[in-house]
C-alpha atoms as a PDB file:
ATOM      1  CA  MET A   1      -9.310  20.092  -7.892  1.00  0.00           C
ATOM      2  CA  GLU A   2      -8.195  19.555  -4.303  1.00  0.00           C
ATOM      3  CA  LYS A   3      -8.258  15.750  -4.661  1.00  0.00           C
ATOM      4  CA  ILE A   4      -5.989  15.673  -7.701  1.00  0.00           C
ATOM      5  CA  SER A   5      -3.733  18.333  -6.166  1.00  0.00           C
ATOM      6  CA  LYS A   6      -3.205  16.058  -3.185  1.00  0.00           C
ATOM      7  CA  VAL A   7      -2.442  13.114  -5.495  1.00  0.00           C
ATOM      8  CA  ILE A   8       0.068  15.258  -7.400  1.00  0.00           C
ATOM      9  CA  SER A   9       1.730  16.243  -4.101  1.00  0.00           C
ATOM     10  CA  ILE A  10       2.009  12.556  -3.233  1.00  0.00           C
ATOM     11  CA  MET A  11       3.626  11.743  -6.578  1.00  0.00           C
ATOM     12  CA  LYS A  12       5.960  14.699  -6.065  1.00  0.00           C
ATOM     13  CA  ARG A  13       6.901  13.412  -2.572  1.00  0.00           C
ATOM     14  CA  LEU A  14       7.553  10.000  -4.129  1.00  0.00           C
ATOM     15  CA  ASP A  15       9.762  11.755  -6.696  1.00  0.00           C
ATOM     16  CA  TYR A  16       7.817  10.016  -9.443  1.00  0.00           C
ATOM     17  CA  PRO A  17       6.834  12.206 -12.411  1.00  0.00           C
ATOM     18  CA  PRO A  18       4.389   9.974 -14.294  1.00  0.00           C
ATOM     19  CA  LYS A  19       3.791   9.964 -18.024  1.00  0.00           C
ATOM     20  CA  ILE A  20       0.029   9.706 -18.380  1.00  0.00           C
ATOM     21  CA  ASP A  21       0.250   7.984 -21.766  1.00  0.00           C
ATOM     22  CA  SER A  22       2.130   5.117 -20.064  1.00  0.00           C
ATOM     23  CA  PHE A  23      -0.110   2.304 -18.807  1.00  0.00           C
ATOM     24  CA  LYS A  24       2.478   1.426 -16.154  1.00  0.00           C
ATOM     25  CA  ASP A  25       2.482   4.978 -14.782  1.00  0.00           C
ATOM     26  CA  ARG A  26      -1.315   5.159 -14.683  1.00  0.00           C
ATOM     27  CA  LEU A  27      -1.330   1.811 -12.877  1.00  0.00           C
ATOM     28  CA  ILE A  28       1.194   3.128 -10.358  1.00  0.00           C
ATOM     29  CA  ILE A  29      -0.995   6.184  -9.684  1.00  0.00           C
ATOM     30  CA  GLN A  30      -4.125   4.055  -9.258  1.00  0.00           C
ATOM     31  CA  LYS A  31      -2.477   1.544  -6.929  1.00  0.00           C
ATOM     32  CA  THR A  32      -0.654   4.226  -4.940  1.00  0.00           C
ATOM     33  CA  VAL A  33      -3.887   6.094  -4.222  1.00  0.00           C
ATOM     34  CA  SER A  34      -5.763   2.866  -3.451  1.00  0.00           C
ATOM     35  CA  ILE A  35      -3.094   1.695  -0.997  1.00  0.00           C
ATOM     36  CA  LEU A  36      -2.853   5.083   0.717  1.00  0.00           C
ATOM     37  CA  GLU A  37      -6.657   5.128   1.059  1.00  0.00           C
ATOM     38  CA  SER A  38      -6.362   1.695   2.726  1.00  0.00           C
ATOM     39  CA  MET A  39      -3.778   3.222   5.075  1.00  0.00           C
ATOM     40  CA  GLU A  40      -6.474   5.683   6.204  1.00  0.00           C
ATOM     41  CA  MET A  41      -5.209   8.588   4.150  1.00  0.00           C
ATOM     42  CA  ASN A  42      -8.363  10.289   2.925  1.00  0.00           C
ATOM     43  CA  LEU A  43      -7.900  11.177  -0.729  1.00  0.00           C
ATOM     44  CA  GLY A  44     -11.590  11.151  -1.628  1.00  0.00           C
ATOM     45  CA  TYR A  45     -11.522   8.427  -4.279  1.00  0.00           C
ATOM     46  CA  GLY A  46     -13.620   5.254  -4.250  1.00  0.00           C
ATOM     47  CA  PHE A  47     -12.285   2.053  -5.784  1.00  0.00           C
ATOM     48  CA  PHE A  48     -13.813  -1.147  -7.129  1.00  0.00           C
ATOM     49  CA  ILE A  49     -12.065  -4.361  -8.139  1.00  0.00           C
ATOM     50  CA  HIS A  50     -11.104  -4.550 -11.804  1.00  0.00           C
ATOM     51  CA  LEU A  51      -8.832  -6.914 -13.748  1.00  0.00           C
ATOM     52  CA  ARG A  52      -5.629  -5.297 -12.466  1.00  0.00           C
ATOM     53  CA  GLY A  53      -6.940  -4.752  -8.938  1.00  0.00           C
ATOM     54  CA  PRO A  54      -8.587  -1.682  -7.400  1.00  0.00           C
ATOM     55  CA  TYR A  55      -9.594   0.917  -9.962  1.00  0.00           C
ATOM     56  CA  CYS A  56     -11.220   4.360  -9.715  1.00  0.00           C
ATOM     57  CA  ARG A  57     -12.770   5.921 -12.805  1.00  0.00           C
ATOM     58  CA  ASP A  58     -12.902   9.384 -11.162  1.00  0.00           C
ATOM     59  CA  LEU A  59      -9.157   9.259 -10.517  1.00  0.00           C
ATOM     60  CA  THR A  60      -8.503   8.336 -14.156  1.00  0.00           C
ATOM     61  CA  GLU A  61     -10.674  11.233 -15.318  1.00  0.00           C
ATOM     62  CA  ASP A  62      -8.908  13.652 -12.947  1.00  0.00           C
ATOM     63  CA  VAL A  63      -5.476  12.461 -14.122  1.00  0.00           C
ATOM     64  CA  TYR A  64      -6.342  12.896 -17.812  1.00  0.00           C
ATOM     65  CA  SER A  65      -8.079  16.251 -17.366  1.00  0.00           C
ATOM     66  CA  ASN A  66      -5.054  17.552 -15.437  1.00  0.00           C
ATOM     67  CA  LYS A  67      -2.384  15.803 -17.524  1.00  0.00           C
ATOM     68  CA  ALA A  68       0.076  18.726 -17.652  1.00  0.00           C
ATOM     69  CA  LEU A  69      -0.150  19.321 -13.897  1.00  0.00           C
ATOM     70  CA  VAL A  70       0.233  15.620 -13.099  1.00  0.00           C
ATOM     71  CA  GLU A  71       3.190  15.072 -15.428  1.00  0.00           C
ATOM     72  CA  GLY A  72       4.870  18.271 -14.246  1.00  0.00           C
ATOM     73  CA  LEU A  73       4.138  17.478 -10.583  1.00  0.00           C
ATOM     74  CA  LYS A  74       2.606  20.956 -10.318  1.00  0.00           C
ATOM     75  CA  SER A  75       0.877  21.175  -6.952  1.00  0.00           C
ATOM     76  CA  ASN A  76       1.274  23.311  -3.880  1.00  0.00           C
ATOM     77  CA  TYR A  77      -0.997  21.114  -1.771  1.00  0.00           C
ATOM     78  CA  PRO A  78       0.768  20.674   1.583  1.00  0.00           C
ATOM     79  CA  LEU A  79       0.813  17.135   2.937  1.00  0.00           C
ATOM     80  CA  ASN A  80       0.568  17.165   6.718  1.00  0.00           C
ATOM     81  CA  LEU A  81       3.148  15.345   8.841  1.00  0.00           C
ATOM     82  CA  GLN A  82       0.999  12.222   9.260  1.00  0.00           C
ATOM     83  CA  GLU A  83       0.298  12.033   5.509  1.00  0.00           C
ATOM     84  CA  ASP A  84       3.965  12.559   4.710  1.00  0.00           C
ATOM     85  CA  LYS A  85       4.953   9.694   7.039  1.00  0.00           C
ATOM     86  CA  LYS A  86       2.467   7.383   5.333  1.00  0.00           C
ATOM     87  CA  VAL A  87       3.783   8.306   1.878  1.00  0.00           C
ATOM     88  CA  ILE A  88       7.392   7.670   2.973  1.00  0.00           C
ATOM     89  CA  LYS A  89       6.484   4.327   4.551  1.00  0.00           C
ATOM     90  CA  PHE A  90       4.542   3.400   1.402  1.00  0.00           C
ATOM     91  CA  LYS A  91       7.573   4.147  -0.783  1.00  0.00           C
ATOM     92  CA  GLU A  92       9.961   2.225   1.474  1.00  0.00           C
ATOM     93  CA  VAL A  93       7.756  -0.867   1.513  1.00  0.00           C
ATOM     94  CA  THR A  94       6.621  -0.942  -2.131  1.00  0.00           C
ATOM     95  CA  ASP A  95       9.527   0.658  -4.002  1.00  0.00           C
ATOM     96  CA  LEU A  96       6.772   1.448  -6.560  1.00  0.00           C
ATOM     97  CA  ASP A  97       7.102  -2.027  -8.138  1.00  0.00           C
ATOM     98  CA  PRO A  98       3.967  -2.489 -10.311  1.00  0.00           C
ATOM     99  CA  ASP A  99       3.514  -6.212  -9.540  1.00  0.00           C
ATOM    100  CA  TYR A 100       3.764  -5.634  -5.802  1.00  0.00           C
ATOM    101  CA  LEU A 101       1.516  -2.581  -6.039  1.00  0.00           C
ATOM    102  CA  GLU A 102      -1.133  -4.771  -7.707  1.00  0.00           C
ATOM    103  CA  ILE A 103      -0.818  -7.459  -5.054  1.00  0.00           C
ATOM    104  CA  ILE A 104      -0.751  -5.037  -2.118  1.00  0.00           C
ATOM    105  CA  SER A 105      -3.640  -2.889  -3.341  1.00  0.00           C
ATOM    106  CA  THR A 106      -5.813  -5.890  -4.207  1.00  0.00           C
ATOM    107  CA  TYR A 107      -5.149  -7.654  -0.902  1.00  0.00           C
ATOM    108  CA  LEU A 108      -5.800  -4.471   1.114  1.00  0.00           C
ATOM    109  CA  HIS A 109      -8.967  -3.756  -0.874  1.00  0.00           C
ATOM    110  CA  PHE A 110     -10.407  -7.174  -0.032  1.00  0.00           C
ATOM    111  CA  LYS A 111      -9.151  -7.110   3.568  1.00  0.00           C
ATOM    112  CA  ILE A 112     -10.007  -3.529   4.537  1.00  0.00           C
ATOM    113  CA  ILE A 113     -12.499  -2.063   2.077  1.00  0.00           C
ATOM    114  CA  GLU A 114     -14.560  -5.242   1.607  1.00  0.00           C
ATOM    115  CA  ASN A 115     -13.818  -6.447   5.169  1.00  0.00           C
ATOM    116  CA  LYS A 116     -12.943  -9.996   4.094  1.00  0.00           C
ATOM    117  CA  GLU A 117     -11.145 -12.501   6.304  1.00  0.00           C
ATOM    118  CA  ASP A 118      -7.420 -12.847   5.657  1.00  0.00           C
ATOM    119  CA  SER A 119      -7.769 -16.292   4.068  1.00  0.00           C
ATOM    120  CA  ASP A 120     -10.617 -15.107   1.819  1.00  0.00           C
ATOM    121  CA  SER A 121      -8.630 -12.034   0.784  1.00  0.00           C
ATOM    122  CA  ILE A 122      -5.722 -14.259  -0.250  1.00  0.00           C
ATOM    123  CA  LEU A 123      -7.944 -16.677  -2.188  1.00  0.00           C
ATOM    124  CA  LEU A 124      -9.684 -13.829  -4.024  1.00  0.00           C
ATOM    125  CA  LEU A 125      -6.322 -12.223  -4.805  1.00  0.00           C
ATOM    126  CA  LYS A 126      -4.923 -15.474  -6.217  1.00  0.00           C
ATOM    127  CA  ALA A 127      -8.085 -16.046  -8.285  1.00  0.00           C
ATOM    128  CA  LEU A 128      -7.819 -12.540  -9.761  1.00  0.00           C
ATOM    129  CA  LYS A 129      -4.075 -12.801 -10.420  1.00  0.00           C
ATOM    130  CA  PRO A 130      -3.255 -16.407 -11.389  1.00  0.00           C
ATOM    131  CA  HIS A 131      -0.307 -15.212 -13.493  1.00  0.00           C
ATOM    132  CA  LEU A 132       1.616 -14.190 -10.362  1.00  0.00           C
ATOM    133  CA  SER A 133       3.680 -16.836  -8.566  1.00  0.00           C
ATOM    134  CA  ASP A 134       2.754 -17.956  -5.064  1.00  0.00           C
ATOM    135  CA  SER A 135       6.083 -16.663  -3.764  1.00  0.00           C
ATOM    136  CA  LYS A 136       5.522 -13.220  -5.279  1.00  0.00           C
ATOM    137  CA  VAL A 137       1.999 -13.116  -3.824  1.00  0.00           C
ATOM    138  CA  ALA A 138       3.361 -14.135  -0.398  1.00  0.00           C
ATOM    139  CA  VAL A 139       5.965 -11.367  -0.471  1.00  0.00           C
ATOM    140  CA  GLY A 140       3.331  -8.864  -1.638  1.00  0.00           C
ATOM    141  CA  ILE A 141       0.979  -9.806   1.196  1.00  0.00           C
ATOM    142  CA  SER A 142       3.832  -9.502   3.670  1.00  0.00           C
ATOM    143  CA  LYS A 143       4.544  -6.015   2.309  1.00  0.00           C
ATOM    144  CA  ALA A 144       0.841  -5.130   2.590  1.00  0.00           C
ATOM    145  CA  LYS A 145       0.827  -6.140   6.249  1.00  0.00           C
ATOM    146  CA  GLU A 146       3.841  -3.875   6.883  1.00  0.00           C
ATOM    147  CA  LEU A 147       1.704  -0.932   5.817  1.00  0.00           C
ATOM    148  CA  LEU A 148      -1.070  -1.631   8.317  1.00  0.00           C
ATOM    149  CA  PRO A 149      -1.096  -0.699  11.994  1.00  0.00           C
ATOM    150  CA  LEU A 150      -0.613  -3.633  14.346  1.00  0.00           C
ATOM    151  CA  ASP A 151      -3.769  -5.226  15.692  1.00  0.00           C
ATOM    152  CA  ALA A 152      -4.266  -6.457  19.275  1.00  0.00           C
ATOM    153  CA  LYS A 153      -3.351 -10.066  18.395  1.00  0.00           C
ATOM    154  CA  GLN A 154      -0.079  -9.011  16.744  1.00  0.00           C
ATOM    155  CA  ILE A 155       0.815  -6.840  19.752  1.00  0.00           C
ATOM    156  CA  ALA A 156       0.107  -9.739  22.149  1.00  0.00           C
ATOM    157  CA  ASN A 157       2.306 -12.072  20.056  1.00  0.00           C
ATOM    158  CA  MET A 158       5.134  -9.534  20.055  1.00  0.00           C
ATOM    159  CA  LYS A 159       4.896  -9.141  23.846  1.00  0.00           C
ATOM    160  CA  LYS A 160       5.057 -12.924  24.247  1.00  0.00           C
ATOM    161  CA  GLU A 161       8.113 -13.141  21.974  1.00  0.00           C
ATOM    162  CA  HIS A 162       9.842 -10.379  23.938  1.00  0.00           C
ATOM    163  CA  GLU A 163       9.052 -12.112  27.249  1.00  0.00           C
ATOM    164  CA  GLU A 164      10.634 -15.296  25.904  1.00  0.00           C
ATOM    165  CA  LEU A 165      13.695 -13.335  24.783  1.00  0.00           C
ATOM    166  CA  ASP A 166      13.949 -11.717  28.217  1.00  0.00           C
ATOM    167  CA  ILE A 167      13.814 -15.133  29.903  1.00  0.00           C
ATOM    168  CA  GLY A 168      16.479 -16.436  27.536  1.00  0.00           C
ATOM    169  CA  ALA A 169      18.694 -13.418  28.130  1.00  0.00           C
ATOM    170  CA  SER A 170      18.517 -13.777  31.893  1.00  0.00           C
ATOM    171  CA  THR A 171      19.297 -17.514  31.891  1.00  0.00           C
ATOM    172  CA  ASP A 172      22.700 -18.482  33.288  1.00  0.00           C
ATOM    173  CA  LEU A 173      24.483 -20.145  30.399  1.00  0.00           C
ATOM    174  CA  SER A 174      27.654 -20.951  32.365  1.00  0.00           C
ATOM    175  CA  LYS A 175      26.373 -24.433  33.155  1.00  0.00           C
ATOM    176  CA  TRP A 176      26.687 -25.216  29.449  1.00  0.00           C
ATOM    177  CA  ASP A 177      30.398 -24.492  29.366  1.00  0.00           C
END
């Protein structure tokens, strides 16, 4: 019961009361939990790749067996500060758009859960979702990367960019007048 209570608290924090009979709402729950799991928020659900991306049968069973609680957002489970920050960041980046949730969750599943290389994750994503345009996939992957902590290479690139900006800012431009 604790797992589904935490999921309900997340949906409550997102201000999203789902209707369990709606496929779209069930998809949003599945992808939300999958993405938050990829963001190192332990919700206790395991996912496998399905036609619409990561899917968890246990989560579906919990949602249906607690339909009234889920739809009424009835949970007193307290999200801690770190969890709350992740939920807010998730909402800001995804805006709960189902297409982007599919792209983000699928990409993160391949990249993080299955530990695939970036290029392989993208190829697998495109093979699974050929109906989505390349531009939509590119935006979705960009959104997925916003949800992840920076790695050492990204930090080094940012430092280099800032050094270049500092050099440019300290350059005397009066000779160009």
